[in-house]
Amino acid sequence: MANVEKISVSMTPQHAEILRDAVKSGAYASGSEVIREAMRDWSAKWAQKRDDISKLRELWAEGKASGPATEVDFDQALNEARAELTAFQKHDR
């Protein structure tokens, strides 16, 4: 690898044992290979989390901009949702 940076990482003894076991099993050539794969997986997960946070912020701002909060009768809202679902199911048949 031509362009790499060497860093030190601390981990629990349990994690270190899992890493050593992965290498010893032959599934990975080195501990660095295990960590690189873990970083690729984490990077994808982190990118998704950032997107989710961004979307939640947009929805929060949209909600705040929609006006003041009003009281909701949840029983009535649930009954309306059930009625819409029933109508949709009848229409879909």
C-alpha atoms as a PDB file:
ATOM      1  CA  MET A   1       0.000   0.000   0.000  1.00  0.00           C
ATOM      2  CA  ALA A   2       1.677   3.133  -1.228  1.00  0.00           C
ATOM      3  CA  ASN A   3      -0.388   5.755   0.559  1.00  0.00           C
ATOM      4  CA  VAL A   4      -1.119   4.642   4.116  1.00  0.00           C
ATOM      5  CA  GLU A   5      -0.882   6.211   7.535  1.00  0.00           C
ATOM      6  CA  LYS A   6       0.117   4.125  10.487  1.00  0.00           C
ATOM      7  CA  ILE A   7      -1.847   4.791  13.664  1.00  0.00           C
ATOM      8  CA  SER A   8      -2.192   3.070  16.992  1.00  0.00           C
ATOM      9  CA  VAL A   9      -5.578   1.857  18.235  1.00  0.00           C
ATOM     10  CA  SER A  10      -6.443   0.691  21.736  1.00  0.00           C
ATOM     11  CA  MET A  11      -9.026  -2.056  22.151  1.00  0.00           C
ATOM     12  CA  THR A  12     -10.358  -4.348  24.814  1.00  0.00           C
ATOM     13  CA  PRO A  13      -8.689  -7.724  25.311  1.00  0.00           C
ATOM     14  CA  GLN A  14     -11.866  -9.353  23.951  1.00  0.00           C
ATOM     15  CA  HIS A  15     -11.690  -7.369  20.725  1.00  0.00           C
ATOM     16  CA  ALA A  16      -7.968  -8.066  20.385  1.00  0.00           C
ATOM     17  CA  GLU A  17      -8.647 -11.791  20.758  1.00  0.00           C
ATOM     18  CA  ILE A  18     -11.357 -11.661  18.080  1.00  0.00           C
ATOM     19  CA  LEU A  19      -8.937  -9.855  15.763  1.00  0.00           C
ATOM     20  CA  ARG A  20      -6.149 -12.388  16.396  1.00  0.00           C
ATOM     21  CA  ASP A  21      -8.596 -15.271  15.901  1.00  0.00           C
ATOM     22  CA  ALA A  22      -9.722 -13.853  12.534  1.00  0.00           C
ATOM     23  CA  VAL A  23      -6.093 -13.762  11.368  1.00  0.00           C
ATOM     24  CA  LYS A  24      -5.256 -17.165  12.856  1.00  0.00           C
ATOM     25  CA  SER A  25      -8.246 -18.720  11.072  1.00  0.00           C
ATOM     26  CA  GLY A  26      -6.803 -17.674   7.730  1.00  0.00           C
ATOM     27  CA  ALA A  27      -9.796 -15.492   6.875  1.00  0.00           C
ATOM     28  CA  TYR A  28      -7.523 -12.422   6.961  1.00  0.00           C
ATOM     29  CA  ALA A  29      -3.844 -12.024   6.185  1.00  0.00           C
ATOM     30  CA  SER A  30      -3.221  -9.490   8.963  1.00  0.00           C
ATOM     31  CA  GLY A  31      -4.785  -7.503  11.745  1.00  0.00           C
ATOM     32  CA  SER A  32      -4.573  -4.448   9.512  1.00  0.00           C
ATOM     33  CA  GLU A  33      -6.758  -6.206   6.951  1.00  0.00           C
ATOM     34  CA  VAL A  34      -9.370  -6.897   9.645  1.00  0.00           C
ATOM     35  CA  ILE A  35      -9.335  -3.259  10.742  1.00  0.00           C
ATOM     36  CA  ARG A  36      -9.561  -1.974   7.147  1.00  0.00           C
ATOM     37  CA  GLU A  37     -12.658  -4.111   6.544  1.00  0.00           C
ATOM     38  CA  ALA A  38     -14.151  -2.942   9.824  1.00  0.00           C
ATOM     39  CA  MET A  39     -13.507   0.665   8.807  1.00  0.00           C
ATOM     40  CA  ARG A  40     -15.173   0.135   5.417  1.00  0.00           C
ATOM     41  CA  ASP A  41     -18.250  -1.301   7.152  1.00  0.00           C
ATOM     42  CA  TRP A  42     -18.280   1.480   9.744  1.00  0.00           C
ATOM     43  CA  SER A  43     -17.818   4.149   7.059  1.00  0.00           C
ATOM     44  CA  ALA A  44     -20.919   2.946   5.209  1.00  0.00           C
ATOM     45  CA  LYS A  45     -22.898   2.839   8.453  1.00  0.00           C
ATOM     46  CA  TRP A  46     -21.662   6.312   9.438  1.00  0.00           C
ATOM     47  CA  ALA A  47     -22.609   7.753   6.028  1.00  0.00           C
ATOM     48  CA  GLN A  48     -26.139   6.350   6.423  1.00  0.00           C
ATOM     49  CA  LYS A  49     -26.384   7.745   9.951  1.00  0.00           C
ATOM     50  CA  ARG A  50     -25.284  11.192   8.728  1.00  0.00           C
ATOM     51  CA  ASP A  51     -27.940  11.065   5.997  1.00  0.00           C
ATOM     52  CA  ASP A  52     -30.574  10.024   8.545  1.00  0.00           C
ATOM     53  CA  ILE A  53     -29.593  12.875  10.884  1.00  0.00           C
ATOM     54  CA  SER A  54     -29.745  15.350   8.009  1.00  0.00           C
ATOM     55  CA  LYS A  55     -33.213  14.118   6.999  1.00  0.00           C
ATOM     56  CA  LEU A  56     -34.459  14.342  10.595  1.00  0.00           C
ATOM     57  CA  ARG A  57     -33.184  17.920  10.816  1.00  0.00           C
ATOM     58  CA  GLU A  58     -35.021  18.791   7.593  1.00  0.00           C
ATOM     59  CA  LEU A  59     -38.233  17.220   8.897  1.00  0.00           C
ATOM     60  CA  TRP A  60     -37.838  19.003  12.245  1.00  0.00           C
ATOM     61  CA  ALA A  61     -37.409  22.365  10.489  1.00  0.00           C
ATOM     62  CA  GLU A  62     -40.392  21.621   8.237  1.00  0.00           C
ATOM     63  CA  GLY A  63     -42.509  20.798  11.267  1.00  0.00           C
ATOM     64  CA  LYS A  64     -41.482  23.966  13.091  1.00  0.00           C
ATOM     65  CA  ALA A  65     -42.200  26.055   9.999  1.00  0.00           C
ATOM     66  CA  SER A  66     -45.658  24.528   9.574  1.00  0.00           C
ATOM     67  CA  GLY A  67     -47.105  26.586  12.401  1.00  0.00           C
ATOM     68  CA  PRO A  68     -47.961  26.227  16.045  1.00  0.00           C
ATOM     69  CA  ALA A  69     -48.722  22.856  17.586  1.00  0.00           C
ATOM     70  CA  THR A  70     -52.351  21.852  17.993  1.00  0.00           C
ATOM     71  CA  GLU A  71     -53.985  19.237  20.161  1.00  0.00           C
ATOM     72  CA  VAL A  72     -54.759  15.918  18.506  1.00  0.00           C
ATOM     73  CA  ASP A  73     -57.438  13.408  19.465  1.00  0.00           C
ATOM     74  CA  PHE A  74     -55.445  10.242  18.925  1.00  0.00           C
ATOM     75  CA  ASP A  75     -58.467   7.958  19.155  1.00  0.00           C
ATOM     76  CA  GLN A  76     -60.149   9.940  16.394  1.00  0.00           C
ATOM     77  CA  ALA A  77     -56.951   9.972  14.308  1.00  0.00           C
ATOM     78  CA  LEU A  78     -56.611   6.202  14.728  1.00  0.00           C
ATOM     79  CA  ASN A  79     -60.240   5.645  13.724  1.00  0.00           C
ATOM     80  CA  GLU A  80     -59.744   7.835  10.633  1.00  0.00           C
ATOM     81  CA  ALA A  81     -56.593   5.909   9.695  1.00  0.00           C
ATOM     82  CA  ARG A  82     -58.433   2.605  10.094  1.00  0.00           C
ATOM     83  CA  ALA A  83     -61.284   3.858   7.918  1.00  0.00           C
ATOM     84  CA  GLU A  84     -58.819   4.964   5.224  1.00  0.00           C
ATOM     85  CA  LEU A  85     -57.084   1.587   5.359  1.00  0.00           C
ATOM     86  CA  THR A  86     -60.392  -0.264   5.066  1.00  0.00           C
ATOM     87  CA  ALA A  87     -61.415   1.902   2.104  1.00  0.00           C
ATOM     88  CA  PHE A  88     -58.048   1.328   0.451  1.00  0.00           C
ATOM     89  CA  GLN A  89     -58.260  -2.439   0.952  1.00  0.00           C
ATOM     90  CA  LYS A  90     -61.785  -2.552  -0.523  1.00  0.00           C
ATOM     91  CA  HIS A  91     -60.656  -0.468  -3.507  1.00  0.00           C
ATOM     92  CA  ASP A  92     -57.559  -2.650  -4.040  1.00  0.00           C
ATOM     93  CA  ARG A  93     -59.572  -5.901  -4.397  1.00  0.00           C
END
